[in-house]
Amino acid sequence: MLALTAVISVVMLQFDWNGVAASAEAGEIDTLLDVMIVLSSFVFAIVIVMLAYSVWRYRAKPGDESDGAPIHGNTKLEIAWTTIPTIIVLFAVGYGWVVLNDIEEPAAASDQLQVNVTAQQFAWRFDYPEEGVTSTELHVPVDRQLDLHLTALDVIHSFWVPEWRIKRDLVPAGPGGQEIDNTVLVTPDRLGTYSVVCTELCGLGHSTMRAPVIVESEDDFDQWVAAERQAAEGGDGGAGEGDGGAGGGSSDDGGAQ
């Protein structure tokens, strides 16, 4: 069993199952996966070895069509196959709990960037309350913890940036319109362009529900925020002038009448 566990583990750990790591939390999550692979290999080895031994040891001889002996269960064996999985599960729960606490450790509020993430069929919207910016692209500065508030407007969606490893469901409002707000903390630590992927089947357009994620330097992020503000102010100003002109026309018409 131990030999088979070692062989399976060595083979399975040769693969980079999660791909590129681009967040401070990714390393601990990848290590957790590796530990789960080894534990799963151990359980698999126990089952396969016991199965092979039973098939060999208790096989019927050619021509033997008699019934098996009426034996009683083995108490020691039953205790063993109950205790071992229990220990494995408790270890996995404890280790997973430690990792979860580590990756959800909040930074100082001044070092965080709050982003309100809203999902609906089949689009994403990102609101930056402190910056006063709204976008369909997720722009974030590198090496700064993100405080993501997730909300769905219609059905259950799921927020996932594969390189960040963090995945969390977005749940629509509960009974009485009570908003259900999930919070996720993640710290991108690698510059680049990625994608937000919805991983909860949410309708016919589910496979197209993606949005660009741009992890950039603090200076580039500040420039993007400034450009978005300027564009928004320009759009508002243009709309205001147009409305004023229409209003003036109405006044002239009224005077002529």
C-alpha atoms as a PDB file:
ATOM      1  CA  MET A   1       0.000   0.000   0.000  1.00  0.00           C
ATOM      2  CA  LEU A   2       2.754   2.454   0.932  1.00  0.00           C
ATOM      3  CA  ALA A   3       4.749   1.614  -2.179  1.00  0.00           C
ATOM      4  CA  LEU A   4       1.714   2.103  -4.422  1.00  0.00           C
ATOM      5  CA  THR A   5       0.918   5.363  -2.627  1.00  0.00           C
ATOM      6  CA  ALA A   6       4.448   6.617  -3.309  1.00  0.00           C
ATOM      7  CA  VAL A   7       4.320   5.657  -6.993  1.00  0.00           C
ATOM      8  CA  ILE A   8       0.905   7.265  -7.590  1.00  0.00           C
ATOM      9  CA  SER A   9       1.866  10.414  -5.684  1.00  0.00           C
ATOM     10  CA  VAL A  10       5.115  10.873  -7.587  1.00  0.00           C
ATOM     11  CA  VAL A  11       3.303  10.520 -10.919  1.00  0.00           C
ATOM     12  CA  MET A  12       0.381  12.781  -9.999  1.00  0.00           C
ATOM     13  CA  LEU A  13       2.567  15.538  -8.555  1.00  0.00           C
ATOM     14  CA  GLN A  14       4.494  15.913 -11.810  1.00  0.00           C
ATOM     15  CA  PHE A  15       1.607  17.890 -13.315  1.00  0.00           C
ATOM     16  CA  ASP A  16       0.942  21.588 -12.751  1.00  0.00           C
ATOM     17  CA  TRP A  17      -2.780  21.100 -12.244  1.00  0.00           C
ATOM     18  CA  ASN A  18      -3.696  24.729 -11.567  1.00  0.00           C
ATOM     19  CA  GLY A  19      -1.474  26.468 -14.104  1.00  0.00           C
ATOM     20  CA  VAL A  20       0.028  29.911 -13.595  1.00  0.00           C
ATOM     21  CA  ALA A  21      -0.121  31.298 -10.047  1.00  0.00           C
ATOM     22  CA  ALA A  22      -0.846  35.026  -9.887  1.00  0.00           C
ATOM     23  CA  SER A  23      -1.921  35.755  -6.302  1.00  0.00           C
ATOM     24  CA  ALA A  24      -0.384  35.657  -2.848  1.00  0.00           C
ATOM     25  CA  GLU A  25      -2.938  33.000  -1.867  1.00  0.00           C
ATOM     26  CA  ALA A  26      -2.200  30.656  -4.767  1.00  0.00           C
ATOM     27  CA  GLY A  27       0.857  28.987  -3.201  1.00  0.00           C
ATOM     28  CA  GLU A  28      -0.967  27.746  -0.099  1.00  0.00           C
ATOM     29  CA  ILE A  29      -3.922  26.560  -2.172  1.00  0.00           C
ATOM     30  CA  ASP A  30      -1.617  24.660  -4.547  1.00  0.00           C
ATOM     31  CA  THR A  31       0.140  23.028  -1.597  1.00  0.00           C
ATOM     32  CA  LEU A  32      -3.219  22.040  -0.136  1.00  0.00           C
ATOM     33  CA  LEU A  33      -4.123  20.389  -3.431  1.00  0.00           C
ATOM     34  CA  ASP A  34      -0.824  18.469  -3.444  1.00  0.00           C
ATOM     35  CA  VAL A  35      -1.485  17.197   0.087  1.00  0.00           C
ATOM     36  CA  MET A  36      -4.998  16.110  -0.934  1.00  0.00           C
ATOM     37  CA  ILE A  37      -3.511  14.261  -3.915  1.00  0.00           C
ATOM     38  CA  VAL A  38      -1.182  12.302  -1.619  1.00  0.00           C
ATOM     39  CA  LEU A  39      -4.014  11.472   0.794  1.00  0.00           C
ATOM     40  CA  SER A  40      -6.262  10.426  -2.086  1.00  0.00           C
ATOM     41  CA  SER A  41      -3.460   8.253  -3.460  1.00  0.00           C
ATOM     42  CA  PHE A  42      -3.142   6.560  -0.058  1.00  0.00           C
ATOM     43  CA  VAL A  43      -6.881   5.802   0.134  1.00  0.00           C
ATOM     44  CA  PHE A  44      -6.875   4.578  -3.469  1.00  0.00           C
ATOM     45  CA  ALA A  45      -3.877   2.337  -2.771  1.00  0.00           C
ATOM     46  CA  ILE A  46      -5.617   0.768   0.244  1.00  0.00           C
ATOM     47  CA  VAL A  47      -8.732  -0.023  -1.799  1.00  0.00           C
ATOM     48  CA  ILE A  48      -6.823  -1.413  -4.789  1.00  0.00           C
ATOM     49  CA  VAL A  49      -4.438  -3.565  -2.712  1.00  0.00           C
ATOM     50  CA  MET A  50      -7.267  -4.980  -0.561  1.00  0.00           C
ATOM     51  CA  LEU A  51      -9.338  -5.655  -3.675  1.00  0.00           C
ATOM     52  CA  ALA A  52      -6.467  -7.427  -5.431  1.00  0.00           C
ATOM     53  CA  TYR A  53      -5.646  -9.459  -2.315  1.00  0.00           C
ATOM     54  CA  SER A  54      -9.286 -10.499  -1.847  1.00  0.00           C
ATOM     55  CA  VAL A  55      -9.662 -11.532  -5.480  1.00  0.00           C
ATOM     56  CA  TRP A  56      -6.489 -13.616  -5.234  1.00  0.00           C
ATOM     57  CA  ARG A  57      -6.909 -15.033  -1.725  1.00  0.00           C
ATOM     58  CA  TYR A  58     -10.605 -15.914  -1.832  1.00  0.00           C
ATOM     59  CA  ARG A  59     -11.029 -16.827  -5.467  1.00  0.00           C
ATOM     60  CA  ALA A  60     -13.112 -19.925  -6.223  1.00  0.00           C
ATOM     61  CA  LYS A  61     -11.316 -22.892  -7.720  1.00  0.00           C
ATOM     62  CA  PRO A  62     -12.357 -24.062 -11.193  1.00  0.00           C
ATOM     63  CA  GLY A  63     -15.553 -26.108 -10.970  1.00  0.00           C
ATOM     64  CA  ASP A  64     -16.349 -24.980  -7.404  1.00  0.00           C
ATOM     65  CA  GLU A  65     -19.987 -23.821  -7.452  1.00  0.00           C
ATOM     66  CA  SER A  66     -20.628 -24.167  -3.728  1.00  0.00           C
ATOM     67  CA  ASP A  67     -21.805 -21.320  -1.522  1.00  0.00           C
ATOM     68  CA  GLY A  68     -19.353 -19.288   0.478  1.00  0.00           C
ATOM     69  CA  ALA A  69     -18.828 -20.014   4.162  1.00  0.00           C
ATOM     70  CA  PRO A  70     -21.343 -18.226   6.446  1.00  0.00           C
ATOM     71  CA  ILE A  71     -18.805 -16.047   8.255  1.00  0.00           C
ATOM     72  CA  HIS A  72     -19.366 -13.107  10.598  1.00  0.00           C
ATOM     73  CA  GLY A  73     -17.857  -9.668   9.949  1.00  0.00           C
ATOM     74  CA  ASN A  74     -14.384  -8.937  11.280  1.00  0.00           C
ATOM     75  CA  THR A  75     -14.764  -6.402  14.095  1.00  0.00           C
ATOM     76  CA  LYS A  76     -11.118  -5.325  14.041  1.00  0.00           C
ATOM     77  CA  LEU A  77     -11.244  -4.775  10.289  1.00  0.00           C
ATOM     78  CA  GLU A  78     -14.455  -2.763  10.550  1.00  0.00           C
ATOM     79  CA  ILE A  79     -12.925  -0.571  13.268  1.00  0.00           C
ATOM     80  CA  ALA A  80      -9.821  -0.052  11.109  1.00  0.00           C
ATOM     81  CA  TRP A  81     -11.692   0.965   7.952  1.00  0.00           C
ATOM     82  CA  THR A  82     -13.836   3.360   9.979  1.00  0.00           C
ATOM     83  CA  THR A  83     -11.007   4.908  11.982  1.00  0.00           C
ATOM     84  CA  ILE A  84      -8.523   5.461   9.158  1.00  0.00           C
ATOM     85  CA  PRO A  85     -10.907   7.459   6.892  1.00  0.00           C
ATOM     86  CA  THR A  86     -12.097   9.429   9.924  1.00  0.00           C
ATOM     87  CA  ILE A  87      -8.535  10.440  10.780  1.00  0.00           C
ATOM     88  CA  ILE A  88      -7.831  11.376   7.155  1.00  0.00           C
ATOM     89  CA  VAL A  89     -10.987  13.492   6.891  1.00  0.00           C
ATOM     90  CA  LEU A  90     -10.329  15.255  10.204  1.00  0.00           C
ATOM     91  CA  PHE A  91      -6.769  16.025   9.125  1.00  0.00           C
ATOM     92  CA  ALA A  92      -7.993  17.374   5.783  1.00  0.00           C
ATOM     93  CA  VAL A  93     -10.615  19.546   7.488  1.00  0.00           C
ATOM     94  CA  GLY A  94      -8.101  20.895  10.002  1.00  0.00           C
ATOM     95  CA  TYR A  95      -5.460  21.628   7.386  1.00  0.00           C
ATOM     96  CA  GLY A  96      -8.021  23.216   5.054  1.00  0.00           C
ATOM     97  CA  TRP A  97      -9.273  25.374   7.924  1.00  0.00           C
ATOM     98  CA  VAL A  98      -5.745  26.616   8.655  1.00  0.00           C
ATOM     99  CA  VAL A  99      -5.173  27.472   4.988  1.00  0.00           C
ATOM    100  CA  LEU A 100      -8.539  29.248   4.761  1.00  0.00           C
ATOM    101  CA  ASN A 101      -7.742  31.351   7.814  1.00  0.00           C
ATOM    102  CA  ASP A 102      -4.354  32.273   6.356  1.00  0.00           C
ATOM    103  CA  ILE A 103      -5.633  33.349   2.939  1.00  0.00           C
ATOM    104  CA  GLU A 104      -8.561  35.283   4.443  1.00  0.00           C
ATOM    105  CA  GLU A 105      -6.369  37.315   6.796  1.00  0.00           C
ATOM    106  CA  PRO A 106      -7.404  40.936   6.087  1.00  0.00           C
ATOM    107  CA  ALA A 107      -4.842  43.637   5.500  1.00  0.00           C
ATOM    108  CA  ALA A 108      -5.185  47.115   6.960  1.00  0.00           C
ATOM    109  CA  ALA A 109      -8.187  48.939   5.518  1.00  0.00           C
ATOM    110  CA  SER A 110      -5.894  51.583   4.023  1.00  0.00           C
ATOM    111  CA  ASP A 111      -4.031  48.884   2.071  1.00  0.00           C
ATOM    112  CA  GLN A 112      -7.182  47.328   0.604  1.00  0.00           C
ATOM    113  CA  LEU A 113      -9.053  48.146  -2.579  1.00  0.00           C
ATOM    114  CA  GLN A 114     -12.798  47.616  -2.383  1.00  0.00           C
ATOM    115  CA  VAL A 115     -14.557  46.467  -5.521  1.00  0.00           C
ATOM    116  CA  ASN A 116     -18.257  45.661  -5.750  1.00  0.00           C
ATOM    117  CA  VAL A 117     -18.710  42.827  -8.239  1.00  0.00           C
ATOM    118  CA  THR A 118     -22.191  42.451  -9.726  1.00  0.00           C
ATOM    119  CA  ALA A 119     -23.165  39.512 -11.933  1.00  0.00           C
ATOM    120  CA  GLN A 120     -26.223  39.021 -14.107  1.00  0.00           C
ATOM    121  CA  GLN A 121     -27.035  36.985 -17.190  1.00  0.00           C
ATOM    122  CA  PHE A 122     -24.540  37.190 -18.855  1.00  0.00           C
ATOM    123  CA  ALA A 123     -22.294  40.070 -17.869  1.00  0.00           C
ATOM    124  CA  TRP A 124     -20.057  41.410 -15.109  1.00  0.00           C
ATOM    125  CA  ARG A 125     -19.967  44.907 -13.616  1.00  0.00           C
ATOM    126  CA  PHE A 126     -17.254  46.258 -11.331  1.00  0.00           C
ATOM    127  CA  ASP A 127     -17.886  49.283  -9.123  1.00  0.00           C
ATOM    128  CA  TYR A 128     -15.097  51.090  -7.270  1.00  0.00           C
ATOM    129  CA  PRO A 129     -16.928  53.029  -4.532  1.00  0.00           C
ATOM    130  CA  GLU A 130     -13.889  54.904  -3.242  1.00  0.00           C
ATOM    131  CA  GLU A 131     -12.704  55.866  -6.720  1.00  0.00           C
ATOM    132  CA  GLY A 132     -16.201  56.613  -8.068  1.00  0.00           C
ATOM    133  CA  VAL A 133     -15.653  54.448 -11.150  1.00  0.00           C
ATOM    134  CA  THR A 134     -17.750  51.727 -12.809  1.00  0.00           C
ATOM    135  CA  SER A 135     -16.383  49.383 -15.469  1.00  0.00           C
ATOM    136  CA  THR A 136     -17.018  46.136 -17.311  1.00  0.00           C
ATOM    137  CA  GLU A 137     -13.298  45.369 -16.951  1.00  0.00           C
ATOM    138  CA  LEU A 138     -11.668  44.533 -13.632  1.00  0.00           C
ATOM    139  CA  HIS A 139      -8.594  46.739 -13.256  1.00  0.00           C
ATOM    140  CA  VAL A 140      -6.584  46.155 -10.070  1.00  0.00           C
ATOM    141  CA  PRO A 141      -3.154  47.229  -8.789  1.00  0.00           C
ATOM    142  CA  VAL A 142      -0.543  44.529  -8.206  1.00  0.00           C
ATOM    143  CA  ASP A 143       0.434  43.531  -4.651  1.00  0.00           C
ATOM    144  CA  ARG A 144      -2.626  45.187  -3.101  1.00  0.00           C
ATOM    145  CA  GLN A 145      -5.306  43.173  -1.325  1.00  0.00           C
ATOM    146  CA  LEU A 146      -8.718  43.273  -3.002  1.00  0.00           C
ATOM    147  CA  ASP A 147     -11.869  43.370  -0.899  1.00  0.00           C
ATOM    148  CA  LEU A 148     -14.416  41.986  -3.362  1.00  0.00           C
ATOM    149  CA  HIS A 149     -18.127  42.225  -2.524  1.00  0.00           C
ATOM    150  CA  LEU A 150     -20.047  39.783  -4.704  1.00  0.00           C
ATOM    151  CA  THR A 151     -23.720  40.136  -5.619  1.00  0.00           C
ATOM    152  CA  ALA A 152     -25.963  38.481  -8.236  1.00  0.00           C
ATOM    153  CA  LEU A 153     -29.038  40.190  -9.698  1.00  0.00           C
ATOM    154  CA  ASP A 154     -30.848  37.155 -11.076  1.00  0.00           C
ATOM    155  CA  VAL A 155     -29.518  33.594 -10.642  1.00  0.00           C
ATOM    156  CA  ILE A 156     -26.504  32.054  -8.926  1.00  0.00           C
ATOM    157  CA  HIS A 157     -23.228  32.868 -10.635  1.00  0.00           C
ATOM    158  CA  SER A 158     -19.649  32.058  -9.603  1.00  0.00           C
ATOM    159  CA  PHE A 159     -16.614  34.358  -9.601  1.00  0.00           C
ATOM    160  CA  TRP A 160     -13.349  32.712 -10.594  1.00  0.00           C
ATOM    161  CA  VAL A 161     -10.019  33.992 -11.840  1.00  0.00           C
ATOM    162  CA  PRO A 162      -8.103  30.707 -12.376  1.00  0.00           C
ATOM    163  CA  GLU A 163      -4.696  32.274 -11.784  1.00  0.00           C
ATOM    164  CA  TRP A 164      -5.847  33.638  -8.421  1.00  0.00           C
ATOM    165  CA  ARG A 165      -7.266  30.248  -7.357  1.00  0.00           C
ATOM    166  CA  ILE A 166     -10.127  31.948  -5.490  1.00  0.00           C
ATOM    167  CA  LYS A 167     -13.627  30.822  -6.450  1.00  0.00           C
ATOM    168  CA  ARG A 168     -16.847  31.994  -4.805  1.00  0.00           C
ATOM    169  CA  ASP A 169     -20.550  31.895  -5.639  1.00  0.00           C
ATOM    170  CA  LEU A 170     -22.597  35.053  -6.110  1.00  0.00           C
ATOM    171  CA  VAL A 171     -26.062  34.531  -4.663  1.00  0.00           C
ATOM    172  CA  PRO A 172     -29.131  36.660  -5.543  1.00  0.00           C
ATOM    173  CA  ALA A 173     -31.160  38.437  -2.881  1.00  0.00           C
ATOM    174  CA  GLY A 174     -32.960  36.260  -0.363  1.00  0.00           C
ATOM    175  CA  PRO A 175     -36.601  36.358   0.797  1.00  0.00           C
ATOM    176  CA  GLY A 176     -37.944  39.861   1.248  1.00  0.00           C
ATOM    177  CA  GLY A 177     -35.226  41.312  -0.963  1.00  0.00           C
ATOM    178  CA  GLN A 178     -32.553  40.862   1.669  1.00  0.00           C
ATOM    179  CA  GLU A 179     -29.208  41.216  -0.092  1.00  0.00           C
ATOM    180  CA  ILE A 180     -26.742  38.359   0.251  1.00  0.00           C
ATOM    181  CA  ASP A 181     -23.245  39.802   0.025  1.00  0.00           C
ATOM    182  CA  ASN A 182     -20.266  37.466  -0.168  1.00  0.00           C
ATOM    183  CA  THR A 183     -16.863  38.964   0.544  1.00  0.00           C
ATOM    184  CA  VAL A 184     -13.626  37.635  -0.948  1.00  0.00           C
ATOM    185  CA  LEU A 185     -10.084  38.734  -0.128  1.00  0.00           C
ATOM    186  CA  VAL A 186      -7.331  38.151  -2.676  1.00  0.00           C
ATOM    187  CA  THR A 187      -3.985  39.795  -3.417  1.00  0.00           C
ATOM    188  CA  PRO A 188      -2.867  39.684  -7.072  1.00  0.00           C
ATOM    189  CA  ASP A 189       0.932  39.540  -7.214  1.00  0.00           C
ATOM    190  CA  ARG A 190       1.667  39.101 -10.913  1.00  0.00           C
ATOM    191  CA  LEU A 191       1.221  41.667 -13.674  1.00  0.00           C
ATOM    192  CA  GLY A 192      -0.796  40.550 -16.657  1.00  0.00           C
ATOM    193  CA  THR A 193      -4.183  40.186 -18.300  1.00  0.00           C
ATOM    194  CA  TYR A 194      -6.495  37.410 -17.124  1.00  0.00           C
ATOM    195  CA  SER A 195     -10.211  36.607 -17.193  1.00  0.00           C
ATOM    196  CA  VAL A 196     -13.081  36.435 -14.740  1.00  0.00           C
ATOM    197  CA  VAL A 197     -14.958  33.235 -15.523  1.00  0.00           C
ATOM    198  CA  CYS A 198     -18.435  32.280 -14.338  1.00  0.00           C
ATOM    199  CA  THR A 199     -18.231  28.660 -13.189  1.00  0.00           C
ATOM    200  CA  GLU A 200     -21.868  28.188 -12.169  1.00  0.00           C
ATOM    201  CA  LEU A 201     -24.217  27.124 -14.987  1.00  0.00           C
ATOM    202  CA  CYS A 202     -26.441  30.192 -15.228  1.00  0.00           C
ATOM    203  CA  GLY A 203     -28.252  29.871 -18.551  1.00  0.00           C
ATOM    204  CA  LEU A 204     -27.739  29.614 -22.294  1.00  0.00           C
ATOM    205  CA  GLY A 205     -25.051  32.311 -22.352  1.00  0.00           C
ATOM    206  CA  HIS A 206     -23.065  30.865 -19.460  1.00  0.00           C
ATOM    207  CA  SER A 207     -20.012  29.984 -21.555  1.00  0.00           C
ATOM    208  CA  THR A 208     -19.699  33.582 -22.775  1.00  0.00           C
ATOM    209  CA  MET A 209     -19.873  35.156 -19.303  1.00  0.00           C
ATOM    210  CA  ARG A 210     -16.309  36.380 -19.031  1.00  0.00           C
ATOM    211  CA  ALA A 211     -14.644  39.708 -18.353  1.00  0.00           C
ATOM    212  CA  PRO A 212     -11.057  40.946 -18.719  1.00  0.00           C
ATOM    213  CA  VAL A 213      -8.904  41.274 -15.599  1.00  0.00           C
ATOM    214  CA  ILE A 214      -5.964  43.664 -15.860  1.00  0.00           C
ATOM    215  CA  VAL A 215      -3.395  43.515 -13.055  1.00  0.00           C
ATOM    216  CA  GLU A 216      -1.194  46.590 -13.386  1.00  0.00           C
ATOM    217  CA  SER A 217       1.142  48.814 -11.423  1.00  0.00           C
ATOM    218  CA  GLU A 218      -0.259  51.303  -8.919  1.00  0.00           C
ATOM    219  CA  ASP A 219       0.626  54.198 -11.234  1.00  0.00           C
ATOM    220  CA  ASP A 220      -1.085  52.594 -14.231  1.00  0.00           C
ATOM    221  CA  PHE A 221      -4.142  51.870 -12.089  1.00  0.00           C
ATOM    222  CA  ASP A 222      -4.308  55.492 -10.934  1.00  0.00           C
ATOM    223  CA  GLN A 223      -4.035  56.653 -14.548  1.00  0.00           C
ATOM    224  CA  TRP A 224      -6.850  54.308 -15.561  1.00  0.00           C
ATOM    225  CA  VAL A 225      -9.061  55.622 -12.738  1.00  0.00           C
ATOM    226  CA  ALA A 226      -8.348  59.204 -13.774  1.00  0.00           C
ATOM    227  CA  ALA A 227      -9.161  58.430 -17.410  1.00  0.00           C
ATOM    228  CA  GLU A 228     -12.421  56.693 -16.439  1.00  0.00           C
ATOM    229  CA  ARG A 229     -13.451  59.650 -14.278  1.00  0.00           C
ATOM    230  CA  GLN A 230     -12.669  62.088 -17.071  1.00  0.00           C
ATOM    231  CA  ALA A 231     -14.645  60.012 -19.571  1.00  0.00           C
ATOM    232  CA  ALA A 232     -17.607  59.783 -17.194  1.00  0.00           C
ATOM    233  CA  GLU A 233     -17.553  63.527 -16.486  1.00  0.00           C
ATOM    234  CA  GLY A 234     -17.297  64.307 -20.194  1.00  0.00           C
ATOM    235  CA  GLY A 235     -20.258  62.058 -20.942  1.00  0.00           C
ATOM    236  CA  ASP A 236     -22.338  63.641 -18.184  1.00  0.00           C
ATOM    237  CA  GLY A 237     -21.437  67.133 -19.359  1.00  0.00           C
ATOM    238  CA  GLY A 238     -22.411  66.374 -22.936  1.00  0.00           C
ATOM    239  CA  ALA A 239     -25.720  64.942 -21.839  1.00  0.00           C
ATOM    240  CA  GLY A 240     -26.398  67.967 -19.657  1.00  0.00           C
ATOM    241  CA  GLU A 241     -25.743  70.411 -22.503  1.00  0.00           C
ATOM    242  CA  GLY A 242     -27.997  68.453 -24.805  1.00  0.00           C
ATOM    243  CA  ASP A 243     -30.788  68.428 -22.262  1.00  0.00           C
ATOM    244  CA  GLY A 244     -30.368  72.145 -21.688  1.00  0.00           C
ATOM    245  CA  GLY A 245     -30.656  72.843 -25.416  1.00  0.00           C
ATOM    246  CA  ALA A 246     -33.795  70.771 -25.644  1.00  0.00           C
ATOM    247  CA  GLY A 247     -35.214  72.607 -22.659  1.00  0.00           C
ATOM    248  CA  GLY A 248     -34.423  75.950 -24.261  1.00  0.00           C
ATOM    249  CA  GLY A 249     -36.213  74.903 -27.421  1.00  0.00           C
ATOM    250  CA  SER A 250     -39.286  74.053 -25.409  1.00  0.00           C
ATOM    251  CA  SER A 251     -39.248  77.487 -23.751  1.00  0.00           C
ATOM    252  CA  ASP A 252     -39.015  79.227 -27.127  1.00  0.00           C
ATOM    253  CA  ASP A 253     -41.900  77.190 -28.459  1.00  0.00           C
ATOM    254  CA  GLY A 254     -43.913  78.053 -25.406  1.00  0.00           C
ATOM    255  CA  GLY A 255     -43.169  81.764 -25.870  1.00  0.00           C
ATOM    256  CA  ALA A 256     -44.197  81.607 -29.517  1.00  0.00           C
ATOM    257  CA  GLN A 257     -47.448  80.031 -28.552  1.00  0.00           C
END
